[in-house]
Amino acid sequence: MRQTVLKNTVDVLHKIKIMEKEIMNLKLYVFKKLAPSGKKVAQPNGKKCSLAGIIDIAKDCRDTDLSVHHDKYLYGEALD
């Protein structure tokens, strides 16, 4: 009886480990897809902006309101 319980516990832990690895691989896949590619993105107003620097800017500014500066960083100029 005890051997069966131990085997089932080991099986469950092994399955959990496999699921955690699959989740990590999925997270890495999604992150790679969302990472900036350096491509220019067309905006509704016809201007193009690069998404390459957004993550670099945002990672150092956790407590800063970036909405004030977003036009400058996206379009290279402040829009009034």
N, C-alpha and C. Protein backbone atom coordinates (compact mmCIF):
# COMPACT_ATOMS: atom_id res chain seq x y z
N MET A 1 0.83 -1.20 0.00
CA MET A 1 0.00 0.00 0.00
C MET A 1 0.87 1.26 0.00
N ARG A 2 1.85 1.27 0.88
CA ARG A 2 2.72 2.44 0.98
C ARG A 2 3.51 2.67 -0.31
N GLN A 3 3.95 1.61 -0.94
CA GLN A 3 4.70 1.71 -2.19
C GLN A 3 3.85 2.36 -3.28
N THR A 4 2.57 2.05 -3.34
CA THR A 4 1.67 2.62 -4.34
C THR A 4 1.49 4.12 -4.12
N VAL A 5 1.34 4.52 -2.88
CA VAL A 5 1.18 5.94 -2.57
C VAL A 5 2.44 6.71 -2.96
N LEU A 6 3.59 6.15 -2.64
CA LEU A 6 4.85 6.80 -2.98
C LEU A 6 5.00 6.91 -4.50
N LYS A 7 4.66 5.88 -5.21
CA LYS A 7 4.76 5.91 -6.67
C LYS A 7 3.84 6.98 -7.24
N ASN A 8 2.64 7.07 -6.75
CA ASN A 8 1.70 8.07 -7.24
C ASN A 8 2.18 9.48 -6.92
N THR A 9 2.75 9.67 -5.75
CA THR A 9 3.28 10.98 -5.37
C THR A 9 4.43 11.38 -6.29
N VAL A 10 5.32 10.45 -6.57
CA VAL A 10 6.44 10.73 -7.46
C VAL A 10 5.93 11.04 -8.86
N ASP A 11 4.93 10.29 -9.31
CA ASP A 11 4.35 10.56 -10.63
C ASP A 11 3.73 11.95 -10.70
N VAL A 12 3.01 12.33 -9.66
CA VAL A 12 2.38 13.65 -9.63
C VAL A 12 3.44 14.74 -9.65
N LEU A 13 4.48 14.58 -8.84
CA LEU A 13 5.55 15.58 -8.81
C LEU A 13 6.27 15.66 -10.16
N HIS A 14 6.45 14.53 -10.81
CA HIS A 14 7.08 14.52 -12.14
C HIS A 14 6.20 15.25 -13.15
N LYS A 15 4.90 15.02 -13.09
CA LYS A 15 3.97 15.70 -14.01
C LYS A 15 3.97 17.20 -13.76
N ILE A 16 4.03 17.60 -12.49
CA ILE A 16 4.08 19.03 -12.15
C ILE A 16 5.36 19.65 -12.71
N LYS A 17 6.47 18.95 -12.57
CA LYS A 17 7.74 19.46 -13.10
C LYS A 17 7.66 19.64 -14.62
N ILE A 18 7.07 18.69 -15.31
CA ILE A 18 6.91 18.79 -16.76
C ILE A 18 6.03 19.98 -17.12
N MET A 19 4.93 20.17 -16.38
CA MET A 19 4.03 21.30 -16.65
C MET A 19 4.73 22.63 -16.41
N GLU A 20 5.51 22.73 -15.34
CA GLU A 20 6.24 23.96 -15.06
C GLU A 20 7.23 24.28 -16.19
N LYS A 21 7.89 23.25 -16.71
CA LYS A 21 8.83 23.46 -17.81
C LYS A 21 8.09 23.92 -19.07
N GLU A 22 6.93 23.32 -19.35
CA GLU A 22 6.14 23.73 -20.51
C GLU A 22 5.65 25.17 -20.37
N ILE A 23 5.24 25.55 -19.17
CA ILE A 23 4.79 26.93 -18.92
C ILE A 23 5.95 27.90 -19.13
N MET A 24 7.13 27.56 -18.64
CA MET A 24 8.29 28.43 -18.81
C MET A 24 8.63 28.58 -20.29
N ASN A 25 8.57 27.48 -21.04
CA ASN A 25 8.84 27.56 -22.47
C ASN A 25 7.81 28.43 -23.18
N LEU A 26 6.55 28.33 -22.77
CA LEU A 26 5.50 29.15 -23.35
C LEU A 26 5.73 30.63 -23.04
N LYS A 27 6.12 30.94 -21.80
CA LYS A 27 6.41 32.32 -21.43
C LYS A 27 7.56 32.88 -22.27
N LEU A 28 8.61 32.09 -22.45
CA LEU A 28 9.74 32.54 -23.27
C LEU A 28 9.33 32.76 -24.71
N TYR A 29 8.49 31.88 -25.24
CA TYR A 29 8.01 32.02 -26.61
C TYR A 29 7.22 33.32 -26.78
N VAL A 30 6.31 33.58 -25.83
CA VAL A 30 5.49 34.79 -25.90
C VAL A 30 6.37 36.02 -25.76
N PHE A 31 7.33 35.99 -24.84
CA PHE A 31 8.21 37.14 -24.65
C PHE A 31 9.01 37.43 -25.92
N LYS A 32 9.49 36.37 -26.57
CA LYS A 32 10.25 36.57 -27.82
C LYS A 32 9.37 37.17 -28.90
N LYS A 33 8.10 36.77 -28.94
CA LYS A 33 7.18 37.31 -29.95
C LYS A 33 6.86 38.78 -29.66
N LEU A 34 6.81 39.16 -28.38
CA LEU A 34 6.47 40.53 -28.01
C LEU A 34 7.67 41.46 -27.95
N ALA A 35 8.86 40.90 -27.97
CA ALA A 35 10.07 41.72 -27.88
C ALA A 35 10.18 42.61 -29.12
N PRO A 36 10.71 43.81 -28.95
CA PRO A 36 10.83 44.72 -30.09
C PRO A 36 11.71 44.12 -31.19
N SER A 37 11.27 44.26 -32.40
CA SER A 37 12.01 43.71 -33.53
C SER A 37 12.74 44.80 -34.31
N GLY A 38 12.55 46.05 -33.94
CA GLY A 38 13.17 47.15 -34.66
C GLY A 38 12.37 47.59 -35.87
N LYS A 39 11.24 46.93 -36.11
CA LYS A 39 10.40 47.31 -37.24
C LYS A 39 9.66 48.60 -36.92
N LYS A 40 9.33 49.33 -37.94
CA LYS A 40 8.55 50.55 -37.77
C LYS A 40 7.07 50.18 -37.81
N VAL A 41 6.31 50.77 -36.92
CA VAL A 41 4.88 50.50 -36.83
C VAL A 41 4.13 51.73 -37.31
N ALA A 42 3.20 51.55 -38.22
CA ALA A 42 2.41 52.67 -38.75
C ALA A 42 1.33 53.05 -37.75
N GLN A 43 1.19 54.33 -37.52
CA GLN A 43 0.18 54.87 -36.62
C GLN A 43 -1.01 55.36 -37.44
N PRO A 44 -2.17 55.55 -36.81
CA PRO A 44 -3.35 56.03 -37.55
C PRO A 44 -3.13 57.36 -38.26
N ASN A 45 -2.25 58.21 -37.73
CA ASN A 45 -2.02 59.51 -38.35
C ASN A 45 -1.01 59.43 -39.49
N GLY A 46 -0.55 58.23 -39.84
CA GLY A 46 0.36 58.05 -40.96
C GLY A 46 1.83 58.07 -40.58
N LYS A 47 2.15 58.51 -39.36
CA LYS A 47 3.54 58.52 -38.93
C LYS A 47 3.96 57.11 -38.54
N LYS A 48 5.25 56.89 -38.57
CA LYS A 48 5.77 55.59 -38.16
C LYS A 48 6.61 55.77 -36.91
N CYS A 49 6.54 54.80 -36.03
CA CYS A 49 7.35 54.87 -34.82
C CYS A 49 8.04 53.53 -34.62
N SER A 50 9.17 53.56 -33.94
CA SER A 50 9.92 52.35 -33.65
C SER A 50 9.60 51.92 -32.23
N LEU A 51 9.42 50.63 -32.04
CA LEU A 51 9.12 50.11 -30.71
C LEU A 51 10.38 49.63 -29.99
N ALA A 52 11.53 49.82 -30.59
CA ALA A 52 12.77 49.26 -30.06
C ALA A 52 13.14 49.80 -28.69
N GLY A 53 12.88 51.06 -28.39
CA GLY A 53 13.34 51.63 -27.14
C GLY A 53 12.34 51.65 -26.02
N ILE A 54 11.14 51.21 -26.25
CA ILE A 54 10.10 51.33 -25.22
C ILE A 54 10.42 50.51 -23.99
N ILE A 55 10.86 49.27 -24.15
CA ILE A 55 11.15 48.43 -22.99
C ILE A 55 12.33 49.00 -22.22
N ASP A 56 13.37 49.48 -22.91
CA ASP A 56 14.53 50.05 -22.22
C ASP A 56 14.14 51.28 -21.41
N ILE A 57 13.25 52.09 -21.93
CA ILE A 57 12.81 53.28 -21.21
C ILE A 57 11.97 52.89 -20.00
N ALA A 58 11.04 51.97 -20.19
CA ALA A 58 10.09 51.63 -19.14
C ALA A 58 10.71 50.85 -18.00
N LYS A 59 11.72 50.04 -18.25
CA LYS A 59 12.25 49.20 -17.18
C LYS A 59 12.94 50.02 -16.09
N ASP A 60 13.43 51.21 -16.41
CA ASP A 60 14.10 52.05 -15.42
C ASP A 60 13.16 53.05 -14.77
N CYS A 61 11.92 53.10 -15.17
CA CYS A 61 10.99 54.13 -14.71
C CYS A 61 9.74 53.50 -14.10
N ARG A 62 9.90 52.65 -13.13
CA ARG A 62 8.74 51.96 -12.56
C ARG A 62 7.76 52.90 -11.89
N ASP A 63 8.26 53.93 -11.22
CA ASP A 63 7.39 54.83 -10.47
C ASP A 63 7.13 56.14 -11.20
N THR A 64 7.50 56.24 -12.45
CA THR A 64 7.36 57.48 -13.21
C THR A 64 6.19 57.37 -14.17
N ASP A 65 5.44 58.44 -14.30
CA ASP A 65 4.34 58.49 -15.26
C ASP A 65 4.92 58.80 -16.63
N LEU A 66 4.97 57.79 -17.50
CA LEU A 66 5.57 57.96 -18.82
C LEU A 66 4.60 58.54 -19.84
N SER A 67 3.33 58.69 -19.48
CA SER A 67 2.36 59.19 -20.44
C SER A 67 2.68 60.62 -20.88
N VAL A 68 3.39 61.36 -20.04
CA VAL A 68 3.76 62.73 -20.38
C VAL A 68 4.79 62.73 -21.52
N HIS A 69 5.63 61.71 -21.56
CA HIS A 69 6.74 61.69 -22.50
C HIS A 69 6.53 60.74 -23.68
N HIS A 70 5.40 60.06 -23.77
CA HIS A 70 5.26 59.01 -24.77
C HIS A 70 5.34 59.52 -26.20
N ASP A 71 4.83 60.71 -26.50
CA ASP A 71 4.89 61.22 -27.87
C ASP A 71 6.34 61.47 -28.29
N LYS A 72 7.13 62.00 -27.37
CA LYS A 72 8.53 62.28 -27.68
C LYS A 72 9.27 60.99 -28.00
N TYR A 73 9.05 59.95 -27.19
CA TYR A 73 9.77 58.71 -27.39
C TYR A 73 9.24 57.91 -28.57
N LEU A 74 7.95 57.97 -28.83
CA LEU A 74 7.38 57.21 -29.94
C LEU A 74 7.59 57.89 -31.28
N TYR A 75 7.37 59.19 -31.34
CA TYR A 75 7.38 59.90 -32.61
C TYR A 75 8.62 60.76 -32.82
N GLY A 76 9.46 60.91 -31.79
CA GLY A 76 10.65 61.73 -31.91
C GLY A 76 10.37 63.21 -31.74
N GLU A 77 9.14 63.55 -31.44
CA GLU A 77 8.77 64.96 -31.23
C GLU A 77 7.55 64.99 -30.31
N ALA A 78 7.40 66.08 -29.62
CA ALA A 78 6.23 66.25 -28.76
C ALA A 78 5.07 66.78 -29.58
N LEU A 79 3.95 66.12 -29.46
CA LEU A 79 2.75 66.58 -30.17
C LEU A 79 1.88 67.37 -29.21
N ASP A 80 1.45 68.53 -29.60
CA ASP A 80 0.61 69.36 -28.73
C ASP A 80 -0.84 69.25 -29.10
